[in-house]
PDB file of all heavy atoms in Angstrom:
ATOM      1  N   PHE A   1       0.835  -1.208   0.000  1.00  0.00           N
ATOM      2  CA  PHE A   1       0.000   0.000   0.000  1.00  0.00           C
ATOM      3  C   PHE A   1       0.868   1.256   0.000  1.00  0.00           C
ATOM      4  O   PHE A   1       0.675   2.185  -0.781  1.00  0.00           O
ATOM      5  CB  PHE A   1      -0.928  -0.034   1.219  1.00  0.00           C
ATOM      6  CG  PHE A   1      -1.278   1.320   1.769  1.00  0.00           C
ATOM      7  CD1 PHE A   1      -1.834   2.307   0.949  1.00  0.00           C
ATOM      8  CD2 PHE A   1      -1.060   1.612   3.106  1.00  0.00           C
ATOM      9  CE1 PHE A   1      -2.161   3.541   1.449  1.00  0.00           C
ATOM     10  CE2 PHE A   1      -1.382   2.844   3.599  1.00  0.00           C
ATOM     11  CZ  PHE A   1      -1.935   3.815   2.787  1.00  0.00           C
ATOM     12  N   LEU A   2       1.913   1.264   0.843  1.00  0.00           N
ATOM     13  CA  LEU A   2       2.747   2.452   0.969  1.00  0.00           C
ATOM     14  C   LEU A   2       3.567   2.698  -0.286  1.00  0.00           C
ATOM     15  O   LEU A   2       3.681   3.831  -0.764  1.00  0.00           O
ATOM     16  CB  LEU A   2       3.666   2.308   2.182  1.00  0.00           C
ATOM     17  CG  LEU A   2       2.950   2.266   3.551  1.00  0.00           C
ATOM     18  CD1 LEU A   2       3.957   1.982   4.656  1.00  0.00           C
ATOM     19  CD2 LEU A   2       2.234   3.576   3.813  1.00  0.00           C
ATOM     20  N   TYR A   3       4.141   1.664  -0.840  1.00  0.00           N
ATOM     21  CA  TYR A   3       5.019   1.851  -1.989  1.00  0.00           C
ATOM     22  C   TYR A   3       4.246   2.170  -3.257  1.00  0.00           C
ATOM     23  O   TYR A   3       4.761   2.821  -4.157  1.00  0.00           O
ATOM     24  CB  TYR A   3       5.870   0.594  -2.194  1.00  0.00           C
ATOM     25  CG  TYR A   3       6.818   0.339  -1.024  1.00  0.00           C
ATOM     26  CD1 TYR A   3       7.190  -0.960  -0.672  1.00  0.00           C
ATOM     27  CD2 TYR A   3       7.314   1.412  -0.283  1.00  0.00           C
ATOM     28  CE1 TYR A   3       8.044  -1.186   0.384  1.00  0.00           C
ATOM     29  CE2 TYR A   3       8.169   1.181   0.777  1.00  0.00           C
ATOM     30  CZ  TYR A   3       8.533  -0.105   1.114  1.00  0.00           C
ATOM     31  OH  TYR A   3       9.365  -0.333   2.160  1.00  0.00           O
ATOM     32  N   SER A   4       3.023   1.693  -3.358  1.00  0.00           N
ATOM     33  CA  SER A   4       2.233   1.985  -4.563  1.00  0.00           C
ATOM     34  C   SER A   4       1.380   3.228  -4.396  1.00  0.00           C
ATOM     35  O   SER A   4       0.718   3.649  -5.333  1.00  0.00           O
ATOM     36  CB  SER A   4       1.318   0.800  -4.897  1.00  0.00           C
ATOM     37  OG  SER A   4       0.399   0.558  -3.844  1.00  0.00           O
ATOM     38  N   PHE A   5       1.440   3.823  -3.219  1.00  0.00           N
ATOM     39  CA  PHE A   5       0.550   4.952  -2.925  1.00  0.00           C
ATOM     40  C   PHE A   5       0.676   6.127  -3.899  1.00  0.00           C
ATOM     41  O   PHE A   5      -0.331   6.732  -4.271  1.00  0.00           O
ATOM     42  CB  PHE A   5       0.810   5.431  -1.488  1.00  0.00           C
ATOM     43  CG  PHE A   5      -0.160   6.471  -1.024  1.00  0.00           C
ATOM     44  CD1 PHE A   5      -1.417   6.095  -0.555  1.00  0.00           C
ATOM     45  CD2 PHE A   5       0.157   7.807  -1.082  1.00  0.00           C
ATOM     46  CE1 PHE A   5      -2.313   7.043  -0.140  1.00  0.00           C
ATOM     47  CE2 PHE A   5      -0.744   8.753  -0.675  1.00  0.00           C
ATOM     48  CZ  PHE A   5      -1.981   8.370  -0.186  1.00  0.00           C
ATOM     49  N   PRO A   6       1.892   6.524  -4.350  1.00  0.00           N
ATOM     50  CA  PRO A   6       1.970   7.672  -5.263  1.00  0.00           C
ATOM     51  C   PRO A   6       1.186   7.483  -6.544  1.00  0.00           C
ATOM     52  O   PRO A   6       0.923   8.458  -7.233  1.00  0.00           O
ATOM     53  CB  PRO A   6       3.470   7.794  -5.548  1.00  0.00           C
ATOM     54  CG  PRO A   6       4.114   7.180  -4.362  1.00  0.00           C
ATOM     55  CD  PRO A   6       3.235   6.033  -3.981  1.00  0.00           C
ATOM     56  N   LEU A   7       0.824   6.246  -6.903  1.00  0.00           N
ATOM     57  CA  LEU A   7       0.059   6.045  -8.131  1.00  0.00           C
ATOM     58  C   LEU A   7      -1.430   6.007  -7.882  1.00  0.00           C
ATOM     59  O   LEU A   7      -2.210   5.848  -8.818  1.00  0.00           O
ATOM     60  CB  LEU A   7       0.507   4.732  -8.803  1.00  0.00           C
ATOM     61  CG  LEU A   7       1.976   4.692  -9.215  1.00  0.00           C
ATOM     62  CD1 LEU A   7       2.301   3.321  -9.789  1.00  0.00           C
ATOM     63  CD2 LEU A   7       2.269   5.781 -10.242  1.00  0.00           C
ATOM     64  N   LEU A   8      -1.858   6.145  -6.647  1.00  0.00           N
ATOM     65  CA  LEU A   8      -3.290   6.087  -6.343  1.00  0.00           C
ATOM     66  C   LEU A   8      -3.859   7.492  -6.480  1.00  0.00           C
ATOM     67  O   LEU A   8      -3.449   8.393  -5.784  1.00  0.00           O
ATOM     68  CB  LEU A   8      -3.492   5.568  -4.921  1.00  0.00           C
ATOM     69  CG  LEU A   8      -2.829   4.205  -4.649  1.00  0.00           C
ATOM     70  CD1 LEU A   8      -3.106   3.749  -3.229  1.00  0.00           C
ATOM     71  CD2 LEU A   8      -3.309   3.171  -5.640  1.00  0.00           C
ATOM     72  N   LEU A   9      -4.773   7.647  -7.362  1.00  0.00           N
ATOM     73  CA  LEU A   9      -5.235   8.997  -7.703  1.00  0.00           C
ATOM     74  C   LEU A   9      -6.361   9.466  -6.822  1.00  0.00           C
ATOM     75  O   LEU A   9      -6.577  10.650  -6.679  1.00  0.00           O
ATOM     76  CB  LEU A   9      -5.694   9.022  -9.160  1.00  0.00           C
ATOM     77  CG  LEU A   9      -4.616   8.617 -10.145  1.00  0.00           C
ATOM     78  CD1 LEU A   9      -5.145   8.713 -11.566  1.00  0.00           C
ATOM     79  CD2 LEU A   9      -3.399   9.488  -9.976  1.00  0.00           C
ATOM     80  N   LEU A  10      -7.102   8.554  -6.263  1.00  0.00           N
ATOM     81  CA  LEU A  10      -8.209   8.949  -5.414  1.00  0.00           C
ATOM     82  C   LEU A  10      -8.120   8.133  -4.134  1.00  0.00           C
ATOM     83  O   LEU A  10      -8.249   6.918  -4.180  1.00  0.00           O
ATOM     84  CB  LEU A  10      -9.558   8.694  -6.097  1.00  0.00           C
ATOM     85  CG  LEU A  10      -9.800   9.509  -7.360  1.00  0.00           C
ATOM     86  CD1 LEU A  10     -11.084   9.040  -8.009  1.00  0.00           C
ATOM     87  CD2 LEU A  10      -9.865  10.966  -7.028  1.00  0.00           C
ATOM     88  N   ILE A  11      -7.898   8.784  -3.021  1.00  0.00           N
ATOM     89  CA  ILE A  11      -7.800   8.051  -1.772  1.00  0.00           C
ATOM     90  C   ILE A  11      -8.681   8.730  -0.753  1.00  0.00           C
ATOM     91  O   ILE A  11      -8.648   9.959  -0.594  1.00  0.00           O
ATOM     92  CB  ILE A  11      -6.349   7.998  -1.274  1.00  0.00           C
ATOM     93  CG1 ILE A  11      -5.731   9.367  -1.364  1.00  0.00           C
ATOM     94  CG2 ILE A  11      -5.551   6.996  -2.025  1.00  0.00           C
ATOM     95  CD1 ILE A  11      -4.331   9.407  -0.889  1.00  0.00           C
ATOM     96  N   CYS A  12      -9.479   7.957  -0.088  1.00  0.00           N
ATOM     97  CA  CYS A  12     -10.443   8.416   0.894  1.00  0.00           C
ATOM     98  C   CYS A  12     -11.566   9.167   0.215  1.00  0.00           C
ATOM     99  O   CYS A  12     -11.347   9.891  -0.732  1.00  0.00           O
ATOM    100  CB  CYS A  12      -9.813   9.305   1.965  1.00  0.00           C
ATOM    101  SG  CYS A  12      -8.555   8.428   2.890  1.00  0.00           S
ATOM    102  N   PRO A  13     -12.776   9.034   0.708  1.00  0.00           N
ATOM    103  CA  PRO A  13     -13.907   9.671   0.057  1.00  0.00           C
ATOM    104  C   PRO A  13     -13.790  11.169   0.019  1.00  0.00           C
ATOM    105  O   PRO A  13     -14.418  11.809  -0.808  1.00  0.00           O
ATOM    106  CB  PRO A  13     -15.090   9.215   0.932  1.00  0.00           C
ATOM    107  CG  PRO A  13     -14.630   7.941   1.576  1.00  0.00           C
ATOM    108  CD  PRO A  13     -13.174   8.112   1.783  1.00  0.00           C
ATOM    109  N   ALA A  14     -13.013  11.783   0.890  1.00  0.00           N
ATOM    110  CA  ALA A  14     -12.982  13.244   0.948  1.00  0.00           C
ATOM    111  C   ALA A  14     -11.822  13.860   0.210  1.00  0.00           C
ATOM    112  O   ALA A  14     -11.607  15.047   0.274  1.00  0.00           O
ATOM    113  CB  ALA A  14     -12.940  13.687   2.408  1.00  0.00           C
ATOM    114  N   VAL A  15     -11.006  13.084  -0.508  1.00  0.00           N
ATOM    115  CA  VAL A  15      -9.805  13.622  -1.127  1.00  0.00           C
ATOM    116  C   VAL A  15      -9.773  13.276  -2.602  1.00  0.00           C
ATOM    117  O   VAL A  15     -10.037  12.150  -2.986  1.00  0.00           O
ATOM    118  CB  VAL A  15      -8.540  13.071  -0.436  1.00  0.00           C
ATOM    119  CG1 VAL A  15      -7.292  13.566  -1.143  1.00  0.00           C
ATOM    120  CG2 VAL A  15      -8.531  13.476   1.018  1.00  0.00           C
ATOM    121  N   SER A  16      -9.408  14.217  -3.448  1.00  0.00           N
ATOM    122  CA  SER A  16      -9.196  13.967  -4.877  1.00  0.00           C
ATOM    123  C   SER A  16      -7.722  14.082  -5.174  1.00  0.00           C
ATOM    124  O   SER A  16      -7.054  15.012  -4.731  1.00  0.00           O
ATOM    125  CB  SER A  16      -9.960  14.990  -5.721  1.00  0.00           C
ATOM    126  OG  SER A  16      -9.543  14.898  -7.050  1.00  0.00           O
ATOM    127  N   ALA A  17      -7.206  13.128  -5.939  1.00  0.00           N
ATOM    128  CA  ALA A  17      -5.808  13.189  -6.329  1.00  0.00           C
ATOM    129  C   ALA A  17      -5.637  13.802  -7.690  1.00  0.00           C
ATOM    130  O   ALA A  17      -4.618  13.648  -8.319  1.00  0.00           O
ATOM    131  CB  ALA A  17      -5.207  11.794  -6.319  1.00  0.00           C
ATOM    132  N   ALA A  18      -6.658  14.520  -8.192  1.00  0.00           N
ATOM    133  CA  ALA A  18      -6.533  15.168  -9.495  1.00  0.00           C
ATOM    134  C   ALA A  18      -5.532  16.294  -9.416  1.00  0.00           C
ATOM    135  O   ALA A  18      -5.425  16.963  -8.405  1.00  0.00           O
ATOM    136  CB  ALA A  18      -7.886  15.726  -9.921  1.00  0.00           C
ATOM    137  N   PRO A  19      -4.767  16.545 -10.491  1.00  0.00           N
ATOM    138  CA  PRO A  19      -3.844  17.676 -10.496  1.00  0.00           C
ATOM    139  C   PRO A  19      -4.594  18.964 -10.222  1.00  0.00           C
ATOM    140  O   PRO A  19      -5.733  19.140 -10.646  1.00  0.00           O
ATOM    141  CB  PRO A  19      -3.276  17.646 -11.924  1.00  0.00           C
ATOM    142  CG  PRO A  19      -3.433  16.234 -12.363  1.00  0.00           C
ATOM    143  CD  PRO A  19      -4.665  15.739 -11.719  1.00  0.00           C
ATOM    144  N   LEU A  20      -3.971  19.891  -9.539  1.00  0.00           N
ATOM    145  CA  LEU A  20      -4.627  21.133  -9.149  1.00  0.00           C
ATOM    146  C   LEU A  20      -5.082  21.941 -10.330  1.00  0.00           C
ATOM    147  O   LEU A  20      -6.044  22.680 -10.254  1.00  0.00           O
ATOM    148  CB  LEU A  20      -3.677  21.965  -8.282  1.00  0.00           C
ATOM    149  CG  LEU A  20      -3.231  21.291  -6.981  1.00  0.00           C
ATOM    150  CD1 LEU A  20      -2.303  22.223  -6.246  1.00  0.00           C
ATOM    151  CD2 LEU A  20      -4.413  20.874  -6.136  1.00  0.00           C
ATOM    152  N   GLU A  21      -4.377  21.834 -11.464  1.00  0.00           N
ATOM    153  CA  GLU A  21      -4.760  22.630 -12.623  1.00  0.00           C
ATOM    154  C   GLU A  21      -5.870  21.981 -13.431  1.00  0.00           C
ATOM    155  O   GLU A  21      -6.340  22.553 -14.402  1.00  0.00           O
ATOM    156  CB  GLU A  21      -3.538  22.863 -13.518  1.00  0.00           C
ATOM    157  CG  GLU A  21      -2.987  21.607 -14.196  1.00  0.00           C
ATOM    158  CD  GLU A  21      -1.962  20.898 -13.326  1.00  0.00           C
ATOM    159  OE1 GLU A  21      -1.871  21.224 -12.137  1.00  0.00           O
ATOM    160  OE2 GLU A  21      -1.242  20.038 -13.847  1.00  0.00           O
ATOM    161  N   ASP A  22      -6.287  20.782 -13.087  1.00  0.00           N
ATOM    162  CA  ASP A  22      -7.320  20.096 -13.855  1.00  0.00           C
ATOM    163  C   ASP A  22      -8.679  20.494 -13.325  1.00  0.00           C
ATOM    164  O   ASP A  22      -9.132  19.997 -12.307  1.00  0.00           O
ATOM    165  CB  ASP A  22      -7.127  18.575 -13.722  1.00  0.00           C
ATOM    166  CG  ASP A  22      -8.045  17.811 -14.669  1.00  0.00           C
ATOM    167  OD1 ASP A  22      -9.000  18.431 -15.178  1.00  0.00           O
ATOM    168  OD2 ASP A  22      -7.802  16.616 -14.881  1.00  0.00           O
ATOM    169  N   ALA A  23      -9.356  21.418 -14.036  1.00  0.00           N
ATOM    170  CA  ALA A  23     -10.629  21.944 -13.560  1.00  0.00           C
ATOM    171  C   ALA A  23     -11.756  20.955 -13.724  1.00  0.00           C
ATOM    172  O   ALA A  23     -12.836  21.144 -13.183  1.00  0.00           O
ATOM    173  CB  ALA A  23     -10.969  23.240 -14.296  1.00  0.00           C
ATOM    174  N   ASP A  24     -11.543  19.884 -14.470  1.00  0.00           N
ATOM    175  CA  ASP A  24     -12.623  18.943 -14.725  1.00  0.00           C
ATOM    176  C   ASP A  24     -12.747  17.898 -13.621  1.00  0.00           C
ATOM    177  O   ASP A  24     -13.672  17.105 -13.610  1.00  0.00           O
ATOM    178  CB  ASP A  24     -12.410  18.223 -16.055  1.00  0.00           C
ATOM    179  CG  ASP A  24     -12.508  19.180 -17.224  1.00  0.00           C
ATOM    180  OD1 ASP A  24     -13.254  20.162 -17.088  1.00  0.00           O
ATOM    181  OD2 ASP A  24     -11.828  18.952 -18.235  1.00  0.00           O
TER     182      ASP A  24
END
């Protein structure tokens, strides 16, 4: 889980891993 974490784009219901500049 820890080592693959940087590739997880959406973690936890309250957090989005979308890039900040992606308005969509």
